[in-house]
Amino acid sequence: MLLEVREGNEGARRLYRLYGFREIGKRRGYYADTGEDAIIMERRSGE
């Protein structure tokens, strides 16, 4: 599974890590409203 989360959303990033997601990359300027980067997170099946 892949997801994107705002770089500044520390609460969501912590929650996703608790559920086994790990940060694997960044999409620069992903959010059009603010230009904020998105952190790409991944969780592999069975982990």
N, C-alpha and C. Protein backbone atom coordinates (compact mmCIF):
# COMPACT_ATOMS: atom_id res chain seq x y z
N MET A 1 0.84 -1.16 0.00
CA MET A 1 0.00 0.00 0.00
C MET A 1 0.88 1.23 0.00
N LEU A 2 0.46 2.23 -0.73
CA LEU A 2 1.17 3.52 -0.75
C LEU A 2 0.21 4.61 -0.33
N LEU A 3 0.75 5.64 0.31
CA LEU A 3 -0.04 6.81 0.62
C LEU A 3 0.86 8.03 0.62
N GLU A 4 0.25 9.20 0.49
CA GLU A 4 0.97 10.47 0.61
C GLU A 4 0.37 11.23 1.78
N VAL A 5 1.24 11.88 2.54
CA VAL A 5 0.81 12.67 3.69
C VAL A 5 1.61 13.97 3.69
N ARG A 6 0.95 15.04 4.11
CA ARG A 6 1.65 16.33 4.16
C ARG A 6 2.87 16.23 5.06
N GLU A 7 3.96 16.81 4.62
CA GLU A 7 5.20 16.75 5.38
C GLU A 7 5.01 17.29 6.79
N GLY A 8 4.22 18.33 6.95
CA GLY A 8 4.03 18.95 8.25
C GLY A 8 3.02 18.24 9.15
N ASN A 9 2.40 17.18 8.69
CA ASN A 9 1.38 16.49 9.47
C ASN A 9 2.03 15.38 10.30
N GLU A 10 2.73 15.79 11.34
CA GLU A 10 3.48 14.86 12.18
C GLU A 10 2.57 13.82 12.85
N GLY A 11 1.38 14.24 13.27
CA GLY A 11 0.47 13.31 13.93
C GLY A 11 0.10 12.15 13.02
N ALA A 12 -0.24 12.45 11.79
CA ALA A 12 -0.60 11.40 10.83
C ALA A 12 0.60 10.53 10.51
N ARG A 13 1.75 11.13 10.36
CA ARG A 13 2.95 10.35 10.05
C ARG A 13 3.27 9.37 11.16
N ARG A 14 3.12 9.80 12.42
CA ARG A 14 3.35 8.90 13.57
C ARG A 14 2.33 7.76 13.55
N LEU A 15 1.07 8.10 13.30
CA LEU A 15 0.02 7.08 13.27
C LEU A 15 0.31 6.04 12.19
N TYR A 16 0.65 6.49 11.00
CA TYR A 16 0.94 5.55 9.91
C TYR A 16 2.13 4.66 10.25
N ARG A 17 3.16 5.22 10.90
CA ARG A 17 4.30 4.39 11.31
C ARG A 17 3.87 3.32 12.30
N LEU A 18 2.95 3.66 13.21
CA LEU A 18 2.44 2.66 14.16
C LEU A 18 1.78 1.49 13.44
N TYR A 19 1.19 1.76 12.27
CA TYR A 19 0.53 0.73 11.49
C TYR A 19 1.44 0.08 10.45
N GLY A 20 2.74 0.29 10.60
CA GLY A 20 3.71 -0.42 9.77
C GLY A 20 4.15 0.27 8.51
N PHE A 21 3.73 1.52 8.30
CA PHE A 21 4.18 2.26 7.12
C PHE A 21 5.58 2.81 7.36
N ARG A 22 6.33 2.92 6.28
CA ARG A 22 7.65 3.55 6.37
C ARG A 22 7.77 4.60 5.28
N GLU A 23 8.55 5.63 5.55
CA GLU A 23 8.74 6.72 4.59
C GLU A 23 9.74 6.29 3.53
N ILE A 24 9.32 6.43 2.26
CA ILE A 24 10.18 5.97 1.17
C ILE A 24 10.53 7.06 0.17
N GLY A 25 9.95 8.23 0.32
CA GLY A 25 10.26 9.29 -0.63
C GLY A 25 9.46 10.55 -0.38
N LYS A 26 9.60 11.49 -1.30
CA LYS A 26 8.96 12.78 -1.16
C LYS A 26 8.52 13.28 -2.52
N ARG A 27 7.34 13.90 -2.57
CA ARG A 27 6.86 14.57 -3.79
C ARG A 27 6.91 16.07 -3.50
N ARG A 28 7.84 16.74 -4.13
CA ARG A 28 8.03 18.17 -3.88
C ARG A 28 6.88 18.98 -4.47
N GLY A 29 6.36 19.92 -3.65
CA GLY A 29 5.30 20.81 -4.10
C GLY A 29 4.00 20.11 -4.45
N TYR A 30 3.73 18.98 -3.83
CA TYR A 30 2.58 18.13 -4.18
C TYR A 30 1.23 18.80 -3.94
N TYR A 31 1.11 19.53 -2.86
CA TYR A 31 -0.18 20.14 -2.51
C TYR A 31 -0.30 21.52 -3.15
N ALA A 32 -1.26 21.64 -4.07
CA ALA A 32 -1.42 22.88 -4.84
C ALA A 32 -1.81 24.07 -3.96
N ASP A 33 -2.55 23.84 -2.89
CA ASP A 33 -3.02 24.95 -2.07
C ASP A 33 -1.90 25.66 -1.32
N THR A 34 -0.85 24.91 -0.94
CA THR A 34 0.24 25.51 -0.15
C THR A 34 1.62 25.30 -0.75
N GLY A 35 1.72 24.39 -1.72
CA GLY A 35 3.03 24.05 -2.27
C GLY A 35 3.82 23.13 -1.36
N GLU A 36 3.18 22.66 -0.30
CA GLU A 36 3.86 21.78 0.66
C GLU A 36 4.20 20.44 0.01
N ASP A 37 5.31 19.87 0.47
CA ASP A 37 5.73 18.56 -0.02
C ASP A 37 4.86 17.47 0.60
N ALA A 38 4.80 16.34 -0.09
CA ALA A 38 4.12 15.16 0.42
C ALA A 38 5.17 14.09 0.70
N ILE A 39 5.02 13.42 1.81
CA ILE A 39 5.86 12.28 2.14
C ILE A 39 5.15 11.03 1.63
N ILE A 40 5.87 10.21 0.89
CA ILE A 40 5.32 8.96 0.39
C ILE A 40 5.65 7.88 1.42
N MET A 41 4.62 7.14 1.80
CA MET A 41 4.80 6.09 2.78
C MET A 41 4.30 4.77 2.19
N GLU A 42 4.94 3.69 2.60
CA GLU A 42 4.63 2.37 2.07
C GLU A 42 4.45 1.37 3.21
N ARG A 43 3.52 0.46 3.00
CA ARG A 43 3.38 -0.70 3.87
C ARG A 43 3.21 -1.91 2.98
N ARG A 44 4.10 -2.86 3.16
CA ARG A 44 4.04 -4.06 2.33
C ARG A 44 3.16 -5.11 2.98
N SER A 45 2.47 -5.85 2.17
CA SER A 45 1.58 -6.89 2.64
C SER A 45 2.35 -7.91 3.47
N GLY A 46 1.79 -8.28 4.60
CA GLY A 46 2.42 -9.28 5.45
C GLY A 46 3.45 -8.73 6.43
N GLU A 47 3.65 -7.44 6.44
CA GLU A 47 4.63 -6.86 7.38
C GLU A 47 3.94 -6.26 8.55
